[in-house]
C-alpha atoms as a PDB file:
ATOM      1  CA  MET A   1      12.248 -21.274   4.180  1.00  0.00           C
ATOM      2  CA  LYS A   2       8.590 -20.928   3.322  1.00  0.00           C
ATOM      3  CA  LEU A   3       6.553 -17.767   2.729  1.00  0.00           C
ATOM      4  CA  SER A   4       2.800 -17.646   3.269  1.00  0.00           C
ATOM      5  CA  VAL A   5       1.287 -14.940   1.047  1.00  0.00           C
ATOM      6  CA  ILE A   6      -1.961 -13.722   2.624  1.00  0.00           C
ATOM      7  CA  ILE A   7      -4.387 -12.083   0.188  1.00  0.00           C
ATOM      8  CA  CYS A   8      -7.472 -10.522   1.779  1.00  0.00           C
ATOM      9  CA  ALA A   9     -10.431  -9.738  -0.446  1.00  0.00           C
ATOM     10  CA  TYR A  10     -13.749  -7.997  -0.030  1.00  0.00           C
ATOM     11  CA  ASN A  11     -15.593  -7.227  -3.256  1.00  0.00           C
ATOM     12  CA  GLU A  12     -12.446  -7.427  -5.394  1.00  0.00           C
ATOM     13  CA  ARG A  13     -13.920  -9.346  -8.322  1.00  0.00           C
ATOM     14  CA  ARG A  14     -12.019  -7.254 -10.862  1.00  0.00           C
ATOM     15  CA  THR A  15      -8.542  -8.010  -9.504  1.00  0.00           C
ATOM     16  CA  ILE A  16      -8.598 -11.037  -7.175  1.00  0.00           C
ATOM     17  CA  LEU A  17      -7.617 -13.677  -9.736  1.00  0.00           C
ATOM     18  CA  GLU A  18      -4.849 -11.467 -11.118  1.00  0.00           C
ATOM     19  CA  ALA A  19      -3.543 -10.865  -7.593  1.00  0.00           C
ATOM     20  CA  ILE A  20      -3.351 -14.607  -6.962  1.00  0.00           C
ATOM     21  CA  SER A  21      -1.717 -15.164 -10.353  1.00  0.00           C
ATOM     22  CA  GLN A  22       0.914 -12.493  -9.760  1.00  0.00           C
ATOM     23  CA  ALA A  23       1.716 -13.731  -6.248  1.00  0.00           C
ATOM     24  CA  HIS A  24       2.012 -17.286  -7.573  1.00  0.00           C
ATOM     25  CA  ALA A  25       4.266 -16.317 -10.482  1.00  0.00           C
ATOM     26  CA  VAL A  26       6.855 -14.156  -8.705  1.00  0.00           C
ATOM     27  CA  VAL A  27      10.271 -15.791  -8.313  1.00  0.00           C
ATOM     28  CA  LEU A  28      11.250 -15.528  -4.654  1.00  0.00           C
ATOM     29  CA  GLY A  29      14.822 -16.742  -4.952  1.00  0.00           C
ATOM     30  CA  ASP A  30      16.872 -19.732  -3.874  1.00  0.00           C
ATOM     31  CA  GLY A  31      15.804 -21.521  -0.733  1.00  0.00           C
ATOM     32  CA  TRP A  32      12.258 -20.130  -0.657  1.00  0.00           C
ATOM     33  CA  GLU A  33       8.983 -21.977  -1.099  1.00  0.00           C
ATOM     34  CA  ARG A  34       5.597 -20.310  -1.035  1.00  0.00           C
ATOM     35  CA  GLU A  35       1.942 -20.896  -0.369  1.00  0.00           C
ATOM     36  CA  ILE A  36      -0.912 -18.506  -1.061  1.00  0.00           C
ATOM     37  CA  ILE A  37      -3.828 -18.130   1.321  1.00  0.00           C
ATOM     38  CA  ALA A  38      -6.706 -16.068  -0.088  1.00  0.00           C
ATOM     39  CA  ILE A  39      -9.396 -15.022   2.378  1.00  0.00           C
ATOM     40  CA  ASP A  40     -12.772 -13.822   1.140  1.00  0.00           C
ATOM     41  CA  ASN A  41     -14.472 -11.594   3.698  1.00  0.00           C
ATOM     42  CA  CYS A  42     -18.048 -12.435   2.642  1.00  0.00           C
ATOM     43  CA  SER A  43     -17.939 -10.595  -0.685  1.00  0.00           C
ATOM     44  CA  THR A  44     -21.205  -9.848  -2.471  1.00  0.00           C
ATOM     45  CA  ASP A  45     -19.933  -8.866  -5.944  1.00  0.00           C
ATOM     46  CA  GLY A  46     -18.952 -12.289  -7.301  1.00  0.00           C
ATOM     47  CA  THR A  47     -15.486 -12.483  -5.740  1.00  0.00           C
ATOM     48  CA  ARG A  48     -16.521 -15.524  -3.731  1.00  0.00           C
ATOM     49  CA  GLU A  49     -17.783 -17.345  -6.813  1.00  0.00           C
ATOM     50  CA  LEU A  50     -14.527 -16.639  -8.660  1.00  0.00           C
ATOM     51  CA  LEU A  51     -12.481 -17.978  -5.768  1.00  0.00           C
ATOM     52  CA  GLU A  52     -14.539 -21.164  -5.768  1.00  0.00           C
ATOM     53  CA  THR A  53     -13.146 -21.877  -9.252  1.00  0.00           C
ATOM     54  CA  VAL A  54      -9.493 -21.572  -8.225  1.00  0.00           C
ATOM     55  CA  ASP A  55      -7.638 -24.866  -8.549  1.00  0.00           C
ATOM     56  CA  VAL A  56      -3.942 -24.019  -8.340  1.00  0.00           C
ATOM     57  CA  SER A  57      -1.223 -25.849  -6.469  1.00  0.00           C
ATOM     58  CA  ASP A  58      -0.186 -24.237  -3.175  1.00  0.00           C
ATOM     59  CA  VAL A  59      -3.245 -21.942  -3.160  1.00  0.00           C
ATOM     60  CA  ARG A  60      -5.771 -22.263  -0.342  1.00  0.00           C
ATOM     61  CA  ILE A  61      -9.032 -20.372  -0.082  1.00  0.00           C
ATOM     62  CA  ILE A  62     -10.774 -19.413   3.164  1.00  0.00           C
ATOM     63  CA  PHE A  63     -14.336 -18.102   3.138  1.00  0.00           C
ATOM     64  CA  HIS A  64     -15.693 -15.971   5.958  1.00  0.00           C
ATOM     65  CA  GLU A  65     -19.427 -16.412   6.417  1.00  0.00           C
ATOM     66  CA  ARG A  66     -19.868 -12.750   7.383  1.00  0.00           C
ATOM     67  CA  ASN A  67     -17.874  -9.550   6.969  1.00  0.00           C
ATOM     68  CA  LEU A  68     -15.406  -9.585   9.852  1.00  0.00           C
ATOM     69  CA  GLY A  69     -13.063  -6.815   8.662  1.00  0.00           C
ATOM     70  CA  LYS A  70      -9.561  -6.899   7.184  1.00  0.00           C
ATOM     71  CA  SER A  71      -7.801  -7.624  10.478  1.00  0.00           C
ATOM     72  CA  ALA A  72      -9.875 -10.764  10.985  1.00  0.00           C
ATOM     73  CA  SER A  73      -8.980 -11.887   7.465  1.00  0.00           C
ATOM     74  CA  VAL A  74      -5.264 -11.412   8.119  1.00  0.00           C
ATOM     75  CA  LEU A  75      -5.552 -13.307  11.401  1.00  0.00           C
ATOM     76  CA  SER A  76      -7.311 -16.173   9.609  1.00  0.00           C
ATOM     77  CA  GLY A  77      -4.373 -16.276   7.218  1.00  0.00           C
ATOM     78  CA  ILE A  78      -1.819 -16.198  10.022  1.00  0.00           C
ATOM     79  CA  GLY A  79      -3.659 -18.984  11.810  1.00  0.00           C
ATOM     80  CA  ALA A  80      -3.683 -21.140   8.688  1.00  0.00           C
ATOM     81  CA  ALA A  81      -0.122 -20.330   7.589  1.00  0.00           C
ATOM     82  CA  ALA A  82       2.316 -23.198   7.195  1.00  0.00           C
ATOM     83  CA  GLY A  83       5.194 -20.881   6.357  1.00  0.00           C
ATOM     84  CA  ASP A  84       8.052 -19.519   8.436  1.00  0.00           C
ATOM     85  CA  TYR A  85       7.054 -15.986   7.408  1.00  0.00           C
ATOM     86  CA  PHE A  86       3.849 -14.446   6.138  1.00  0.00           C
ATOM     87  CA  VAL A  87       3.377 -11.375   3.986  1.00  0.00           C
ATOM     88  CA  ILE A  88       0.214  -9.367   3.361  1.00  0.00           C
ATOM     89  CA  PHE A  89      -0.474  -8.747  -0.330  1.00  0.00           C
ATOM     90  CA  ASP A  90      -3.566  -6.666  -1.091  1.00  0.00           C
ATOM     91  CA  ALA A  91      -6.050  -7.979  -3.633  1.00  0.00           C
ATOM     92  CA  ASP A  92      -6.621  -4.542  -5.180  1.00  0.00           C
ATOM     93  CA  LEU A  93      -3.176  -4.486  -6.851  1.00  0.00           C
ATOM     94  CA  GLU A  94      -2.137  -1.171  -5.319  1.00  0.00           C
ATOM     95  CA  TYR A  95       1.135  -2.970  -4.584  1.00  0.00           C
ATOM     96  CA  GLU A  96       3.335  -5.054  -6.911  1.00  0.00           C
ATOM     97  CA  ALA A  97       3.959  -8.759  -6.414  1.00  0.00           C
ATOM     98  CA  ALA A  98       7.532  -8.317  -7.683  1.00  0.00           C
ATOM     99  CA  ASP A  99       8.367  -6.579  -4.398  1.00  0.00           C
ATOM    100  CA  LEU A 100       7.701  -9.814  -2.495  1.00  0.00           C
ATOM    101  CA  ALA A 101      11.030 -11.114  -3.782  1.00  0.00           C
ATOM    102  CA  ARG A 102      12.769  -7.966  -2.583  1.00  0.00           C
ATOM    103  CA  LEU A 103      11.259  -8.397   0.886  1.00  0.00           C
ATOM    104  CA  VAL A 104      12.439 -11.987   1.325  1.00  0.00           C
ATOM    105  CA  ALA A 105      15.884 -11.032   0.019  1.00  0.00           C
ATOM    106  CA  VAL A 106      16.341  -8.970   3.207  1.00  0.00           C
ATOM    107  CA  VAL A 107      15.531 -11.894   5.500  1.00  0.00           C
ATOM    108  CA  GLN A 108      18.388 -13.414   7.468  1.00  0.00           C
ATOM    109  CA  PRO A 109      17.050 -16.764   8.750  1.00  0.00           C
ATOM    110  CA  GLY A 110      17.089 -16.946  12.517  1.00  0.00           C
ATOM    111  CA  GLU A 111      17.620 -13.203  12.865  1.00  0.00           C
ATOM    112  CA  THR A 112      15.072 -11.197  10.870  1.00  0.00           C
ATOM    113  CA  VAL A 113      11.623 -10.819  12.432  1.00  0.00           C
ATOM    114  CA  ALA A 114       9.942  -8.267  10.170  1.00  0.00           C
ATOM    115  CA  VAL A 115      10.442  -6.479   6.850  1.00  0.00           C
ATOM    116  CA  PHE A 116       7.977  -3.788   5.780  1.00  0.00           C
ATOM    117  CA  GLY A 117       7.615  -1.993   2.506  1.00  0.00           C
ATOM    118  CA  SER A 118       7.646   1.807   2.485  1.00  0.00           C
ATOM    119  CA  ARG A 119       5.895   4.188   0.121  1.00  0.00           C
ATOM    120  CA  THR A 120       7.890   7.177   1.371  1.00  0.00           C
ATOM    121  CA  LEU A 121      11.536   6.085   1.608  1.00  0.00           C
ATOM    122  CA  GLY A 122      13.682   8.374  -0.491  1.00  0.00           C
ATOM    123  CA  GLY A 123      11.357  11.315  -0.003  1.00  0.00           C
ATOM    124  CA  ARG A 124       8.602   9.956  -2.262  1.00  0.00           C
ATOM    125  CA  ARG A 125       5.029  11.262  -2.004  1.00  0.00           C
ATOM    126  CA  ILE A 126       2.992   8.991  -4.226  1.00  0.00           C
ATOM    127  CA  TYR A 127      -0.300   9.130  -2.369  1.00  0.00           C
ATOM    128  CA  GLU A 128      -3.440  10.070  -4.287  1.00  0.00           C
ATOM    129  CA  TYR A 129      -4.674  12.352  -1.473  1.00  0.00           C
ATOM    130  CA  ALA A 130      -2.609  14.787   0.596  1.00  0.00           C
ATOM    131  CA  GLN A 131      -4.845  14.011   3.584  1.00  0.00           C
ATOM    132  CA  ASN A 132      -3.690  10.399   3.524  1.00  0.00           C
ATOM    133  CA  TYR A 133      -0.019  11.280   3.142  1.00  0.00           C
ATOM    134  CA  TRP A 134       0.071  13.742   6.032  1.00  0.00           C
ATOM    135  CA  GLY A 135      -2.112  11.509   8.202  1.00  0.00           C
ATOM    136  CA  VAL A 136       0.216   8.542   7.775  1.00  0.00           C
ATOM    137  CA  HIS A 137       3.238  10.804   8.260  1.00  0.00           C
ATOM    138  CA  PHE A 138       1.873  12.002  11.606  1.00  0.00           C
ATOM    139  CA  LEU A 139       0.820   8.537  12.783  1.00  0.00           C
ATOM    140  CA  THR A 140       4.215   7.098  11.826  1.00  0.00           C
ATOM    141  CA  ARG A 141       6.137   9.758  13.731  1.00  0.00           C
ATOM    142  CA  LEU A 142       3.915   9.315  16.775  1.00  0.00           C
ATOM    143  CA  ALA A 143       4.381   5.522  16.751  1.00  0.00           C
ATOM    144  CA  ASN A 144       8.149   5.988  16.520  1.00  0.00           C
ATOM    145  CA  LEU A 145       8.041   8.320  19.512  1.00  0.00           C
ATOM    146  CA  LEU A 146       5.892   6.007  21.625  1.00  0.00           C
ATOM    147  CA  PHE A 147       7.568   2.718  20.736  1.00  0.00           C
ATOM    148  CA  SER A 148      11.160   3.760  19.935  1.00  0.00           C
ATOM    149  CA  GLY A 149      10.850   2.909  16.262  1.00  0.00           C
ATOM    150  CA  ASN A 150      12.436   4.210  13.095  1.00  0.00           C
ATOM    151  CA  LEU A 151       9.654   3.578  10.597  1.00  0.00           C
ATOM    152  CA  THR A 152       8.796   5.768   7.626  1.00  0.00           C
ATOM    153  CA  ASP A 153       5.390   4.294   6.670  1.00  0.00           C
ATOM    154  CA  ILE A 154       3.499   2.506   9.426  1.00  0.00           C
ATOM    155  CA  ALA A 155       0.300   2.158   7.371  1.00  0.00           C
ATOM    156  CA  VAL A 156       1.837   0.332   4.405  1.00  0.00           C
ATOM    157  CA  GLY A 157      -0.102  -2.768   3.432  1.00  0.00           C
ATOM    158  CA  THR A 158       2.940  -4.873   2.537  1.00  0.00           C
ATOM    159  CA  LYS A 159       4.214  -6.295   5.818  1.00  0.00           C
ATOM    160  CA  LEU A 160       6.356  -9.447   6.128  1.00  0.00           C
ATOM    161  CA  VAL A 161       6.618 -10.968   9.610  1.00  0.00           C
ATOM    162  CA  ARG A 162       7.800 -14.198  11.169  1.00  0.00           C
ATOM    163  CA  VAL A 163       4.728 -16.349  11.773  1.00  0.00           C
ATOM    164  CA  ASP A 164       5.570 -17.561  15.268  1.00  0.00           C
ATOM    165  CA  VAL A 165       6.250 -14.018  16.471  1.00  0.00           C
ATOM    166  CA  ALA A 166       2.977 -12.691  15.059  1.00  0.00           C
ATOM    167  CA  ARG A 167       1.053 -15.506  16.730  1.00  0.00           C
ATOM    168  CA  SER A 168       2.518 -14.524  20.094  1.00  0.00           C
ATOM    169  CA  LEU A 169       1.339 -10.892  19.970  1.00  0.00           C
ATOM    170  CA  ASP A 170      -2.382 -11.276  20.810  1.00  0.00           C
ATOM    171  CA  LEU A 171      -3.443  -9.192  17.821  1.00  0.00           C
ATOM    172  CA  SER A 172      -6.907  -7.649  17.462  1.00  0.00           C
ATOM    173  CA  SER A 173      -9.392  -8.621  14.748  1.00  0.00           C
ATOM    174  CA  HIS A 174     -11.219  -5.265  14.743  1.00  0.00           C
ATOM    175  CA  GLU A 175     -11.533  -3.696  11.266  1.00  0.00           C
ATOM    176  CA  TRP A 176      -8.126  -2.154  10.306  1.00  0.00           C
ATOM    177  CA  ASP A 177      -6.521  -2.370  13.758  1.00  0.00           C
ATOM    178  CA  LEU A 178      -3.888  -4.926  12.820  1.00  0.00           C
ATOM    179  CA  ASP A 179      -2.251  -2.612  10.257  1.00  0.00           C
ATOM    180  CA  PHE A 180      -1.136  -0.395  13.145  1.00  0.00           C
ATOM    181  CA  GLU A 181      -1.223  -2.736  16.122  1.00  0.00           C
ATOM    182  CA  LEU A 182       1.190  -5.226  14.530  1.00  0.00           C
ATOM    183  CA  PRO A 183       4.114  -2.784  14.081  1.00  0.00           C
ATOM    184  CA  CYS A 184       3.505  -1.187  17.487  1.00  0.00           C
ATOM    185  CA  LYS A 185       3.548  -4.530  19.275  1.00  0.00           C
ATOM    186  CA  LEU A 186       6.607  -5.693  17.353  1.00  0.00           C
ATOM    187  CA  LEU A 187       8.473  -2.565  18.430  1.00  0.00           C
ATOM    188  CA  LYS A 188       7.233  -2.722  22.012  1.00  0.00           C
ATOM    189  CA  HIS A 189       8.484  -6.300  22.301  1.00  0.00           C
ATOM    190  CA  GLY A 190      11.919  -5.238  21.106  1.00  0.00           C
ATOM    191  CA  HIS A 191      11.798  -6.571  17.542  1.00  0.00           C
ATOM    192  CA  GLN A 192      13.531  -4.662  14.764  1.00  0.00           C
ATOM    193  CA  ILE A 193      11.504  -3.812  11.664  1.00  0.00           C
ATOM    194  CA  HIS A 194      13.485  -3.433   8.435  1.00  0.00           C
ATOM    195  CA  GLU A 195      12.067  -1.329   5.596  1.00  0.00           C
ATOM    196  CA  ILE A 196      12.598  -1.278   1.842  1.00  0.00           C
ATOM    197  CA  PRO A 197      11.083   1.080  -0.757  1.00  0.00           C
ATOM    198  CA  ILE A 198       8.284  -0.533  -2.757  1.00  0.00           C
ATOM    199  CA  ALA A 199       6.066   0.389  -5.681  1.00  0.00           C
ATOM    200  CA  TYR A 200       2.623   1.807  -4.985  1.00  0.00           C
ATOM    201  CA  HIS A 201      -0.298   2.563  -7.295  1.00  0.00           C
ATOM    202  CA  PRO A 202      -2.913   4.389  -5.184  1.00  0.00           C
ATOM    203  CA  ARG A 203      -6.566   4.204  -6.119  1.00  0.00           C
ATOM    204  CA  THR A 204      -9.033   7.067  -6.008  1.00  0.00           C
ATOM    205  CA  ALA A 205     -12.307   7.018  -4.092  1.00  0.00           C
ATOM    206  CA  GLU A 206     -14.072   6.451  -7.423  1.00  0.00           C
ATOM    207  CA  GLN A 207     -11.923   3.360  -7.968  1.00  0.00           C
ATOM    208  CA  GLY A 208     -12.857   1.936  -4.585  1.00  0.00           C
ATOM    209  CA  LYS A 209     -10.370   3.506  -2.175  1.00  0.00           C
ATOM    210  CA  GLY A 210     -12.077   3.303   1.212  1.00  0.00           C
ATOM    211  CA  LEU A 211      -9.939   5.314   3.636  1.00  0.00           C
ATOM    212  CA  VAL A 212     -10.611   8.811   2.363  1.00  0.00           C
ATOM    213  CA  GLY A 213     -12.575  11.797   3.637  1.00  0.00           C
ATOM    214  CA  PRO A 214     -14.464  11.458   6.944  1.00  0.00           C
ATOM    215  CA  ARG A 215     -13.727   7.747   7.151  1.00  0.00           C
ATOM    216  CA  ALA A 216      -9.986   8.430   7.082  1.00  0.00           C
ATOM    217  CA  ILE A 217     -10.387  10.929   9.921  1.00  0.00           C
ATOM    218  CA  ARG A 218     -12.384   8.424  12.003  1.00  0.00           C
ATOM    219  CA  THR A 219      -9.735   5.800  11.319  1.00  0.00           C
ATOM    220  CA  GLY A 220      -7.054   8.224  12.510  1.00  0.00           C
ATOM    221  CA  PHE A 221      -8.773   8.607  15.871  1.00  0.00           C
ATOM    222  CA  ARG A 222      -9.154   4.833  16.070  1.00  0.00           C
ATOM    223  CA  VAL A 223      -5.397   4.478  15.473  1.00  0.00           C
ATOM    224  CA  LEU A 224      -4.679   6.870  18.335  1.00  0.00           C
ATOM    225  CA  TRP A 225      -6.730   4.586  20.582  1.00  0.00           C
ATOM    226  CA  ILE A 226      -4.751   1.563  19.347  1.00  0.00           C
ATOM    227  CA  TYR A 227      -1.511   3.357  20.198  1.00  0.00           C
ATOM    228  CA  LEU A 228      -2.697   4.261  23.682  1.00  0.00           C
ATOM    229  CA  LYS A 229      -3.994   0.776  24.391  1.00  0.00           C
ATOM    230  CA  THR A 230      -0.798  -0.859  23.143  1.00  0.00           C
ATOM    231  CA  TRP A 231       1.425   1.586  25.021  1.00  0.00           C
ATOM    232  CA  LEU A 232      -0.445   0.954  28.280  1.00  0.00           C
ATOM    233  CA  LYS A 233      -1.029  -2.784  28.004  1.00  0.00           C
ATOM    234  CA  GLY A 234       1.308  -4.156  25.355  1.00  0.00           C
END
């Protein structure tokens, strides 16, 4: 089995090389190979120049010529993936590469379609902002109601999915849509999503966290539109 690790970056000069290094170093376990696909979304802080220096086996770099949003970066990675499964690993190091091994350990070849991390399994509340915690809690419960799911953290960044299934879902490339559209479409098409607890190190707005304050509220309304569109059209 082969895992394609998709690392999306926009102005992540401080952490991008470490993210690639960590994803490359983690031991996945017997029977698993890996490739790393790093996508730069037209960074302007030097991230692009750093990625141009990367010369590591099984690491491919994709450069977007303009800022297309995170969803477009993930879709570029899915389109380029040579693996049986892909996993999204954020360049900002809010998540730990060690959990990638725990995700693949759940996979039963030929049976498992998706394994997501969860920041809230076991009653944890490790968000930096209460607004984000309660927003995700509400959006998760609503998605479960609409699509007959049993998720605890729909907005988690660490999502592992079978490549061929993801390619069949007609996913959107708009901004952050894929984070929510992907689980909703998986559930609507009858696929089970497994979850495991994972580590999470949330950033503050001062450290570069983007989805806080008014932007988080606007994103919440956008997610409601994604739910409605997916529920009506699939």
